[in-house]
PDB file of all heavy atoms in Angstrom:
ATOM      1  N   MET A   1      12.770  -8.548  -4.139  1.00  0.00           N
ATOM      2  CA  MET A   1      12.952  -9.582  -3.137  1.00  0.00           C
ATOM      3  C   MET A   1      14.151 -10.438  -3.525  1.00  0.00           C
ATOM      4  O   MET A   1      14.143 -11.087  -4.572  1.00  0.00           O
ATOM      5  CB  MET A   1      11.702 -10.450  -3.009  1.00  0.00           C
ATOM      6  CG  MET A   1      10.428  -9.660  -2.733  1.00  0.00           C
ATOM      7  SD  MET A   1       8.990 -10.727  -2.456  1.00  0.00           S
ATOM      8  CE  MET A   1       8.850 -11.488  -4.083  1.00  0.00           C
ATOM      9  N   ASN A   2      15.171 -10.427  -2.686  1.00  0.00           N
ATOM     10  CA  ASN A   2      16.374 -11.208  -2.909  1.00  0.00           C
ATOM     11  C   ASN A   2      16.542 -12.246  -1.812  1.00  0.00           C
ATOM     12  O   ASN A   2      15.949 -12.142  -0.743  1.00  0.00           O
ATOM     13  CB  ASN A   2      17.607 -10.296  -2.951  1.00  0.00           C
ATOM     14  CG  ASN A   2      17.562  -9.287  -4.069  1.00  0.00           C
ATOM     15  OD1 ASN A   2      17.049  -9.553  -5.151  1.00  0.00           O
ATOM     16  ND2 ASN A   2      18.116  -8.098  -3.813  1.00  0.00           N
ATOM     17  N   SER A   3      17.381 -13.231  -2.081  1.00  0.00           N
ATOM     18  CA  SER A   3      17.667 -14.287  -1.109  1.00  0.00           C
ATOM     19  C   SER A   3      16.387 -14.864  -0.530  1.00  0.00           C
ATOM     20  O   SER A   3      16.244 -15.026   0.687  1.00  0.00           O
ATOM     21  CB  SER A   3      18.570 -13.747   0.006  1.00  0.00           C
ATOM     22  OG  SER A   3      19.791 -13.267  -0.518  1.00  0.00           O
ATOM     23  N   LEU A   4      15.463 -15.180  -1.400  1.00  0.00           N
ATOM     24  CA  LEU A   4      14.160 -15.671  -0.959  1.00  0.00           C
ATOM     25  C   LEU A   4      14.270 -17.000  -0.228  1.00  0.00           C
ATOM     26  O   LEU A   4      15.106 -17.848  -0.566  1.00  0.00           O
ATOM     27  CB  LEU A   4      13.222 -15.806  -2.152  1.00  0.00           C
ATOM     28  CG  LEU A   4      12.667 -14.477  -2.661  1.00  0.00           C
ATOM     29  CD1 LEU A   4      12.116 -14.627  -4.068  1.00  0.00           C
ATOM     30  CD2 LEU A   4      11.580 -13.974  -1.714  1.00  0.00           C
ATOM     31  N   GLN A   5      13.451 -17.164   0.770  1.00  0.00           N
ATOM     32  CA  GLN A   5      13.415 -18.346   1.601  1.00  0.00           C
ATOM     33  C   GLN A   5      12.026 -18.963   1.548  1.00  0.00           C
ATOM     34  O   GLN A   5      11.053 -18.282   1.232  1.00  0.00           O
ATOM     35  CB  GLN A   5      13.764 -17.989   3.053  1.00  0.00           C
ATOM     36  CG  GLN A   5      15.099 -17.284   3.219  1.00  0.00           C
ATOM     37  CD  GLN A   5      15.293 -16.703   4.609  1.00  0.00           C
ATOM     38  OE1 GLN A   5      14.500 -16.958   5.516  1.00  0.00           O
ATOM     39  NE2 GLN A   5      16.347 -15.931   4.781  1.00  0.00           N
ATOM     40  N   PRO A   6      11.905 -20.258   1.848  1.00  0.00           N
ATOM     41  CA  PRO A   6      10.580 -20.891   1.848  1.00  0.00           C
ATOM     42  C   PRO A   6       9.579 -20.157   2.726  1.00  0.00           C
ATOM     43  O   PRO A   6       8.387 -20.134   2.407  1.00  0.00           O
ATOM     44  CB  PRO A   6      10.868 -22.303   2.377  1.00  0.00           C
ATOM     45  CG  PRO A   6      12.273 -22.571   1.948  1.00  0.00           C
ATOM     46  CD  PRO A   6      12.976 -21.249   2.087  1.00  0.00           C
ATOM     47  N   GLU A   7      10.037 -19.546   3.802  1.00  0.00           N
ATOM     48  CA  GLU A   7       9.161 -18.817   4.710  1.00  0.00           C
ATOM     49  C   GLU A   7       8.566 -17.567   4.077  1.00  0.00           C
ATOM     50  O   GLU A   7       7.633 -16.977   4.638  1.00  0.00           O
ATOM     51  CB  GLU A   7       9.917 -18.437   5.988  1.00  0.00           C
ATOM     52  CG  GLU A   7      10.338 -19.628   6.845  1.00  0.00           C
ATOM     53  CD  GLU A   7      11.528 -20.390   6.279  1.00  0.00           C
ATOM     54  OE1 GLU A   7      12.318 -19.797   5.511  1.00  0.00           O
ATOM     55  OE2 GLU A   7      11.665 -21.581   6.600  1.00  0.00           O
ATOM     56  N   ASP A   8       9.089 -17.149   2.928  1.00  0.00           N
ATOM     57  CA  ASP A   8       8.544 -16.000   2.214  1.00  0.00           C
ATOM     58  C   ASP A   8       7.344 -16.376   1.347  1.00  0.00           C
ATOM     59  O   ASP A   8       6.709 -15.493   0.763  1.00  0.00           O
ATOM     60  CB  ASP A   8       9.613 -15.355   1.328  1.00  0.00           C
ATOM     61  CG  ASP A   8      10.779 -14.804   2.127  1.00  0.00           C
ATOM     62  OD1 ASP A   8      10.528 -14.131   3.151  1.00  0.00           O
ATOM     63  OD2 ASP A   8      11.936 -15.033   1.726  1.00  0.00           O
ATOM     64  N   THR A   9       7.049 -17.654   1.240  1.00  0.00           N
ATOM     65  CA  THR A   9       5.927 -18.109   0.428  1.00  0.00           C
ATOM     66  C   THR A   9       4.621 -17.535   0.959  1.00  0.00           C
ATOM     67  O   THR A   9       4.281 -17.709   2.128  1.00  0.00           O
ATOM     68  CB  THR A   9       5.852 -19.639   0.413  1.00  0.00           C
ATOM     69  OG1 THR A   9       7.015 -20.163  -0.234  1.00  0.00           O
ATOM     70  CG2 THR A   9       4.616 -20.117  -0.331  1.00  0.00           C
ATOM     71  N   ALA A  10       3.890 -16.839   0.099  1.00  0.00           N
ATOM     72  CA  ALA A  10       2.650 -16.184   0.495  1.00  0.00           C
ATOM     73  C   ALA A  10       2.041 -15.499  -0.720  1.00  0.00           C
ATOM     74  O   ALA A  10       2.665 -15.409  -1.782  1.00  0.00           O
ATOM     75  CB  ALA A  10       2.913 -15.149   1.594  1.00  0.00           C
ATOM     76  N   VAL A  11       0.821 -15.021  -0.547  1.00  0.00           N
ATOM     77  CA  VAL A  11       0.228 -14.121  -1.522  1.00  0.00           C
ATOM     78  C   VAL A  11       0.589 -12.708  -1.097  1.00  0.00           C
ATOM     79  O   VAL A  11       0.364 -12.328   0.055  1.00  0.00           O
ATOM     80  CB  VAL A  11      -1.299 -14.280  -1.612  1.00  0.00           C
ATOM     81  CG1 VAL A  11      -1.882 -13.277  -2.608  1.00  0.00           C
ATOM     82  CG2 VAL A  11      -1.659 -15.695  -2.025  1.00  0.00           C
ATOM     83  N   TYR A  12       1.146 -11.946  -2.013  1.00  0.00           N
ATOM     84  CA  TYR A  12       1.596 -10.596  -1.719  1.00  0.00           C
ATOM     85  C   TYR A  12       0.614  -9.575  -2.279  1.00  0.00           C
ATOM     86  O   TYR A  12       0.175  -9.680  -3.424  1.00  0.00           O
ATOM     87  CB  TYR A  12       2.991 -10.352  -2.303  1.00  0.00           C
ATOM     88  CG  TYR A  12       4.086 -11.018  -1.510  1.00  0.00           C
ATOM     89  CD1 TYR A  12       4.217 -12.403  -1.505  1.00  0.00           C
ATOM     90  CD2 TYR A  12       4.981 -10.266  -0.748  1.00  0.00           C
ATOM     91  CE1 TYR A  12       5.205 -13.026  -0.757  1.00  0.00           C
ATOM     92  CE2 TYR A  12       5.976 -10.874  -0.005  1.00  0.00           C
ATOM     93  CZ  TYR A  12       6.080 -12.259  -0.012  1.00  0.00           C
ATOM     94  OH  TYR A  12       7.071 -12.864   0.726  1.00  0.00           O
ATOM     95  N   TYR A  13       0.280  -8.588  -1.459  1.00  0.00           N
ATOM     96  CA  TYR A  13      -0.666  -7.548  -1.827  1.00  0.00           C
ATOM     97  C   TYR A  13      -0.037  -6.174  -1.620  1.00  0.00           C
ATOM     98  O   TYR A  13       0.801  -6.000  -0.738  1.00  0.00           O
ATOM     99  CB  TYR A  13      -1.917  -7.597  -0.949  1.00  0.00           C
ATOM    100  CG  TYR A  13      -2.665  -8.904  -0.940  1.00  0.00           C
ATOM    101  CD1 TYR A  13      -2.315  -9.915  -0.053  1.00  0.00           C
ATOM    102  CD2 TYR A  13      -3.745  -9.107  -1.783  1.00  0.00           C
ATOM    103  CE1 TYR A  13      -3.012 -11.108  -0.020  1.00  0.00           C
ATOM    104  CE2 TYR A  13      -4.452 -10.300  -1.755  1.00  0.00           C
ATOM    105  CZ  TYR A  13      -4.081 -11.293  -0.872  1.00  0.00           C
ATOM    106  OH  TYR A  13      -4.786 -12.472  -0.842  1.00  0.00           O
ATOM    107  N   CYS A  14      -0.473  -5.212  -2.401  1.00  0.00           N
ATOM    108  CA  CYS A  14      -0.095  -3.837  -2.125  1.00  0.00           C
ATOM    109  C   CYS A  14      -1.312  -3.069  -1.645  1.00  0.00           C
ATOM    110  O   CYS A  14      -2.452  -3.447  -1.899  1.00  0.00           O
ATOM    111  CB  CYS A  14       0.533  -3.154  -3.350  1.00  0.00           C
ATOM    112  SG  CYS A  14      -0.552  -2.968  -4.780  1.00  0.00           S
ATOM    113  N   ASN A  15      -1.068  -1.999  -0.923  1.00  0.00           N
ATOM    114  CA  ASN A  15      -2.118  -1.167  -0.382  1.00  0.00           C
ATOM    115  C   ASN A  15      -1.444   0.076   0.177  1.00  0.00           C
ATOM    116  O   ASN A  15      -0.222   0.202   0.138  1.00  0.00           O
ATOM    117  CB  ASN A  15      -2.897  -1.910   0.713  1.00  0.00           C
ATOM    118  CG  ASN A  15      -4.325  -1.420   0.872  1.00  0.00           C
ATOM    119  OD1 ASN A  15      -4.588  -0.210   0.915  1.00  0.00           O
ATOM    120  ND2 ASN A  15      -5.279  -2.360   0.968  1.00  0.00           N
ATOM    121  N   VAL A  16      -2.242   0.984   0.678  1.00  0.00           N
ATOM    122  CA  VAL A  16      -1.692   2.101   1.419  1.00  0.00           C
ATOM    123  C   VAL A  16      -1.438   1.645   2.843  1.00  0.00           C
ATOM    124  O   VAL A  16      -1.828   0.548   3.247  1.00  0.00           O
ATOM    125  CB  VAL A  16      -2.637   3.320   1.392  1.00  0.00           C
ATOM    126  CG1 VAL A  16      -2.736   3.885  -0.019  1.00  0.00           C
ATOM    127  CG2 VAL A  16      -4.021   2.935   1.917  1.00  0.00           C
ATOM    128  N   ASN A  17      -0.760   2.474   3.614  1.00  0.00           N
ATOM    129  CA  ASN A  17      -0.504   2.179   5.005  1.00  0.00           C
ATOM    130  C   ASN A  17      -0.848   3.412   5.827  1.00  0.00           C
ATOM    131  O   ASN A  17      -0.259   4.473   5.603  1.00  0.00           O
ATOM    132  CB  ASN A  17       0.960   1.782   5.212  1.00  0.00           C
ATOM    133  CG  ASN A  17       1.292   1.515   6.666  1.00  0.00           C
ATOM    134  OD1 ASN A  17       2.135   2.183   7.251  1.00  0.00           O
ATOM    135  ND2 ASN A  17       0.621   0.539   7.258  1.00  0.00           N
ATOM    136  N   PRO A  18      -1.783   3.290   6.763  1.00  0.00           N
ATOM    137  CA  PRO A  18      -2.585   2.114   7.119  1.00  0.00           C
ATOM    138  C   PRO A  18      -3.448   1.635   5.953  1.00  0.00           C
ATOM    139  O   PRO A  18      -3.832   2.426   5.105  1.00  0.00           O
ATOM    140  CB  PRO A  18      -3.458   2.591   8.282  1.00  0.00           C
ATOM    141  CG  PRO A  18      -2.741   3.790   8.830  1.00  0.00           C
ATOM    142  CD  PRO A  18      -2.090   4.434   7.643  1.00  0.00           C
ATOM    143  N   SER A  19      -3.729   0.352   5.914  1.00  0.00           N
ATOM    144  CA  SER A  19      -4.444  -0.230   4.792  1.00  0.00           C
ATOM    145  C   SER A  19      -5.867   0.288   4.680  1.00  0.00           C
ATOM    146  O   SER A  19      -6.510   0.617   5.679  1.00  0.00           O
ATOM    147  CB  SER A  19      -4.444  -1.755   4.892  1.00  0.00           C
ATOM    148  OG  SER A  19      -5.141  -2.192   6.046  1.00  0.00           O
ATOM    149  N   ASN A  20      -6.356   0.337   3.467  1.00  0.00           N
ATOM    150  CA  ASN A  20      -7.729   0.695   3.162  1.00  0.00           C
ATOM    151  C   ASN A  20      -8.426  -0.562   2.662  1.00  0.00           C
ATOM    152  O   ASN A  20      -8.020  -1.109   1.634  1.00  0.00           O
ATOM    153  CB  ASN A  20      -7.778   1.797   2.106  1.00  0.00           C
ATOM    154  CG  ASN A  20      -9.183   2.294   1.835  1.00  0.00           C
ATOM    155  OD1 ASN A  20     -10.142   1.525   1.830  1.00  0.00           O
ATOM    156  ND2 ASN A  20      -9.305   3.594   1.602  1.00  0.00           N
ATOM    157  N   PRO A  21      -9.461  -1.043   3.349  1.00  0.00           N
ATOM    158  CA  PRO A  21     -10.093  -2.307   2.950  1.00  0.00           C
ATOM    159  C   PRO A  21     -10.662  -2.301   1.540  1.00  0.00           C
ATOM    160  O   PRO A  21     -10.819  -3.361   0.937  1.00  0.00           O
ATOM    161  CB  PRO A  21     -11.192  -2.506   3.996  1.00  0.00           C
ATOM    162  CG  PRO A  21     -11.445  -1.140   4.546  1.00  0.00           C
ATOM    163  CD  PRO A  21     -10.110  -0.463   4.534  1.00  0.00           C
ATOM    164  N   GLN A  22     -10.961  -1.134   1.003  1.00  0.00           N
ATOM    165  CA  GLN A  22     -11.507  -1.049  -0.344  1.00  0.00           C
ATOM    166  C   GLN A  22     -10.445  -1.217  -1.426  1.00  0.00           C
ATOM    167  O   GLN A  22     -10.782  -1.381  -2.598  1.00  0.00           O
ATOM    168  CB  GLN A  22     -12.229   0.279  -0.553  1.00  0.00           C
ATOM    169  CG  GLN A  22     -13.460   0.458   0.311  1.00  0.00           C
ATOM    170  CD  GLN A  22     -14.197   1.743  -0.010  1.00  0.00           C
ATOM    171  OE1 GLN A  22     -13.583   2.775  -0.292  1.00  0.00           O
ATOM    172  NE2 GLN A  22     -15.514   1.689   0.033  1.00  0.00           N
ATOM    173  N   TYR A  23      -9.185  -1.185  -1.042  1.00  0.00           N
ATOM    174  CA  TYR A  23      -8.102  -1.225  -2.018  1.00  0.00           C
ATOM    175  C   TYR A  23      -7.531  -2.614  -2.266  1.00  0.00           C
ATOM    176  O   TYR A  23      -6.728  -2.785  -3.192  1.00  0.00           O
ATOM    177  CB  TYR A  23      -6.964  -0.310  -1.588  1.00  0.00           C
ATOM    178  CG  TYR A  23      -7.269   1.172  -1.655  1.00  0.00           C
ATOM    179  CD1 TYR A  23      -6.323   2.092  -1.214  1.00  0.00           C
ATOM    180  CD2 TYR A  23      -8.472   1.657  -2.148  1.00  0.00           C
ATOM    181  CE1 TYR A  23      -6.580   3.457  -1.254  1.00  0.00           C
ATOM    182  CE2 TYR A  23      -8.734   3.013  -2.194  1.00  0.00           C
ATOM    183  CZ  TYR A  23      -7.788   3.914  -1.743  1.00  0.00           C
ATOM    184  OH  TYR A  23      -8.037   5.270  -1.787  1.00  0.00           O
ATOM    185  N   TRP A  24      -7.896  -3.615  -1.457  1.00  0.00           N
ATOM    186  CA  TRP A  24      -7.322  -4.948  -1.634  1.00  0.00           C
ATOM    187  C   TRP A  24      -7.644  -5.508  -3.011  1.00  0.00           C
ATOM    188  O   TRP A  24      -8.798  -5.523  -3.445  1.00  0.00           O
ATOM    189  CB  TRP A  24      -7.832  -5.913  -0.568  1.00  0.00           C
ATOM    190  CG  TRP A  24      -7.416  -5.570   0.821  1.00  0.00           C
ATOM    191  CD1 TRP A  24      -8.231  -5.247   1.870  1.00  0.00           C
ATOM    192  CD2 TRP A  24      -6.084  -5.521   1.338  1.00  0.00           C
ATOM    193  NE1 TRP A  24      -7.493  -5.009   2.996  1.00  0.00           N
ATOM    194  CE2 TRP A  24      -6.169  -5.165   2.699  1.00  0.00           C
ATOM    195  CE3 TRP A  24      -4.818  -5.746   0.783  1.00  0.00           C
ATOM    196  CZ2 TRP A  24      -5.038  -5.022   3.513  1.00  0.00           C
ATOM    197  CZ3 TRP A  24      -3.695  -5.598   1.582  1.00  0.00           C
ATOM    198  CH2 TRP A  24      -3.814  -5.241   2.925  1.00  0.00           C
ATOM    199  N   GLY A  25      -6.610  -5.979  -3.697  1.00  0.00           N
ATOM    200  CA  GLY A  25      -6.781  -6.599  -4.998  1.00  0.00           C
ATOM    201  C   GLY A  25      -6.640  -8.104  -4.911  1.00  0.00           C
ATOM    202  O   GLY A  25      -6.854  -8.704  -3.852  1.00  0.00           O
ATOM    203  N   GLN A  26      -6.263  -8.721  -6.023  1.00  0.00           N
ATOM    204  CA  GLN A  26      -6.139 -10.173  -6.072  1.00  0.00           C
ATOM    205  C   GLN A  26      -4.832 -10.682  -5.490  1.00  0.00           C
ATOM    206  O   GLN A  26      -4.740 -11.841  -5.103  1.00  0.00           O
ATOM    207  CB  GLN A  26      -6.280 -10.660  -7.518  1.00  0.00           C
ATOM    208  CG  GLN A  26      -7.633 -10.345  -8.140  1.00  0.00           C
ATOM    209  CD  GLN A  26      -8.766 -10.991  -7.384  1.00  0.00           C
ATOM    210  OE1 GLN A  26      -8.760 -12.206  -7.162  1.00  0.00           O
ATOM    211  NE2 GLN A  26      -9.750 -10.184  -6.984  1.00  0.00           N
ATOM    212  N   GLY A  27      -3.836  -9.827  -5.440  1.00  0.00           N
ATOM    213  CA  GLY A  27      -2.536 -10.245  -4.958  1.00  0.00           C
ATOM    214  C   GLY A  27      -1.778 -11.046  -6.008  1.00  0.00           C
ATOM    215  O   GLY A  27      -2.305 -11.367  -7.073  1.00  0.00           O
ATOM    216  N   THR A  28      -0.529 -11.360  -5.699  1.00  0.00           N
ATOM    217  CA  THR A  28       0.285 -12.179  -6.588  1.00  0.00           C
ATOM    218  C   THR A  28       0.998 -13.237  -5.754  1.00  0.00           C
ATOM    219  O   THR A  28       1.545 -12.946  -4.695  1.00  0.00           O
ATOM    220  CB  THR A  28       1.283 -11.309  -7.387  1.00  0.00           C
ATOM    221  OG1 THR A  28       1.979 -12.122  -8.338  1.00  0.00           O
ATOM    222  CG2 THR A  28       2.291 -10.611  -6.480  1.00  0.00           C
ATOM    223  N   GLN A  29       0.955 -14.468  -6.213  1.00  0.00           N
ATOM    224  CA  GLN A  29       1.491 -15.605  -5.463  1.00  0.00           C
ATOM    225  C   GLN A  29       3.002 -15.690  -5.607  1.00  0.00           C
ATOM    226  O   GLN A  29       3.533 -15.667  -6.724  1.00  0.00           O
ATOM    227  CB  GLN A  29       0.854 -16.909  -5.943  1.00  0.00           C
ATOM    228  CG  GLN A  29       1.422 -18.166  -5.288  1.00  0.00           C
ATOM    229  CD  GLN A  29       0.997 -18.309  -3.850  1.00  0.00           C
ATOM    230  OE1 GLN A  29      -0.188 -18.217  -3.542  1.00  0.00           O
ATOM    231  NE2 GLN A  29       1.957 -18.538  -2.961  1.00  0.00           N
ATOM    232  N   VAL A  30       3.672 -15.812  -4.484  1.00  0.00           N
ATOM    233  CA  VAL A  30       5.112 -16.060  -4.456  1.00  0.00           C
ATOM    234  C   VAL A  30       5.331 -17.397  -3.768  1.00  0.00           C
ATOM    235  O   VAL A  30       4.911 -17.586  -2.630  1.00  0.00           O
ATOM    236  CB  VAL A  30       5.869 -14.955  -3.707  1.00  0.00           C
ATOM    237  CG1 VAL A  30       7.334 -15.342  -3.510  1.00  0.00           C
ATOM    238  CG2 VAL A  30       5.757 -13.637  -4.458  1.00  0.00           C
ATOM    239  N   THR A  31       5.973 -18.314  -4.473  1.00  0.00           N
ATOM    240  CA  THR A  31       6.267 -19.628  -3.922  1.00  0.00           C
ATOM    241  C   THR A  31       7.761 -19.875  -4.002  1.00  0.00           C
ATOM    242  O   THR A  31       8.351 -19.796  -5.083  1.00  0.00           O
ATOM    243  CB  THR A  31       5.521 -20.733  -4.677  1.00  0.00           C
ATOM    244  OG1 THR A  31       4.115 -20.492  -4.629  1.00  0.00           O
ATOM    245  CG2 THR A  31       5.815 -22.094  -4.067  1.00  0.00           C
ATOM    246  N   VAL A  32       8.366 -20.163  -2.864  1.00  0.00           N
ATOM    247  CA  VAL A  32       9.797 -20.422  -2.788  1.00  0.00           C
ATOM    248  C   VAL A  32       9.988 -21.879  -2.400  1.00  0.00           C
ATOM    249  O   VAL A  32       9.687 -22.272  -1.273  1.00  0.00           O
ATOM    250  CB  VAL A  32      10.489 -19.499  -1.781  1.00  0.00           C
ATOM    251  CG1 VAL A  32      11.997 -19.709  -1.825  1.00  0.00           C
ATOM    252  CG2 VAL A  32      10.145 -18.041  -2.066  1.00  0.00           C
ATOM    253  N   SER A  33      10.483 -22.675  -3.333  1.00  0.00           N
ATOM    254  CA  SER A  33      10.606 -24.108  -3.102  1.00  0.00           C
ATOM    255  C   SER A  33      11.641 -24.696  -4.045  1.00  0.00           C
ATOM    256  O   SER A  33      11.817 -24.231  -5.166  1.00  0.00           O
ATOM    257  CB  SER A  33       9.259 -24.802  -3.316  1.00  0.00           C
ATOM    258  OG  SER A  33       9.362 -26.203  -3.127  1.00  0.00           O
ATOM    259  N   SER A  34      12.327 -25.731  -3.587  1.00  0.00           N
ATOM    260  CA  SER A  34      13.310 -26.404  -4.409  1.00  0.00           C
ATOM    261  C   SER A  34      12.708 -27.622  -5.086  1.00  0.00           C
ATOM    262  O   SER A  34      11.610 -28.061  -4.761  1.00  0.00           O
ATOM    263  CB  SER A  34      14.516 -26.832  -3.572  1.00  0.00           C
ATOM    264  OG  SER A  34      14.124 -27.714  -2.535  1.00  0.00           O
TER     265      SER A  34
END
């Protein structure tokens, strides 16, 4: 992720596509702020 913007702030998760509800993990927090 480059040129991050405040609007990118979120918890990010990985999964397959289409998503499988059994695969959701804890995610990782991304916060973009000055």
